[in-house]
Amino acid sequence: MFDFKDYFSNNSANYSKFRPVYPDALFDYLAGIAPSSALAWDCATGSGQAAQKLARRFSRVIATDASSEQLRKAKPVDNIAYRVAPAEKAPFPDNAVDLITVAQALHWFDIELFFREAKRVLKTDGVIAVWTYNLLTIEPALDKIINGFYENVLGPYWPPERVMVEDGYRDISFPFQKLLCPAFSMSASWSLNELLGYLGTWSAVKQYRDKMGSDPLDIIRNDLAAQWGAPDRRYHVDWPLSVRVGSLSQPKDRAKGT
């Protein structure tokens, strides 16, 4: 048995609707350095965002998640097989996978066990990529409200794993040959309701609701609305990605990280 901390199943529809979309350029890069386009494993796929991007670049994608409820919200795609499985127990034989991706989920795993399993299923020159993102940026006045909400209202309700996200996974031991990776970011154009929908998917918001019996978004809703202007006004939203990429081997045509 693996300790699965499920903060998202009871909010899976909103998670699928309001989470930002990872950039195509990231998947183009990963497909370009994978040894072949035969098989990709998207681990902790959630509602399948990354898996659907991989499916355009790989012949087969196996997308796993420990939450069957999350997988029920994933879009069916012909060359994606969605399977319920913990990150630490992969449904693959040895040396089978060209690319492993973990999008905004590594901090929920038993990381040592997962990396051991990743080494087992990766091809010798296969690639693993894990990434995370922390707070969004919009414009200074709105950022100040959101940052205060994050720290002062939700601070006690963030699980301890959140520290790894705030650190951009820099302090996680990454037992692979490191590969250089370009800078990537996500972006969106959002109305106020879309922003509030996204904030509502935060794990700390769920914990606050469960423990306090009220919605913490009500604390900042009016301040955001006053600063936003017309509710249907759209702002550009950015999230820098922190990406770590590696391989079991160090092929000559790949750049080695430092």
Foldseek 3Di string as FASTA:
>chain_A
DFDFDDLFLVPLLLCVVQDFAFDLVQLVVQLVQFPHQAEEEEEQCQQNRVVVSSVVRHQAYEYEHLHPSSPVNHDDDPRYHYDHDHLLDDPAAFQAHREYEYEAPCLRGPNVSNLVVVNGHHHQSHKYKYKAWDDKDFDVQLVVLVVCCVCPVLVVQDPPSCVCRVVGVPPPDDPFFWFDDDWGKTKDWDFQVSVVSNVCSDSSQSSCCVVVVDGSVVVCVVVNPVVRDPRRHITMMMIIMRMTMGGNDDDPPTHTDD
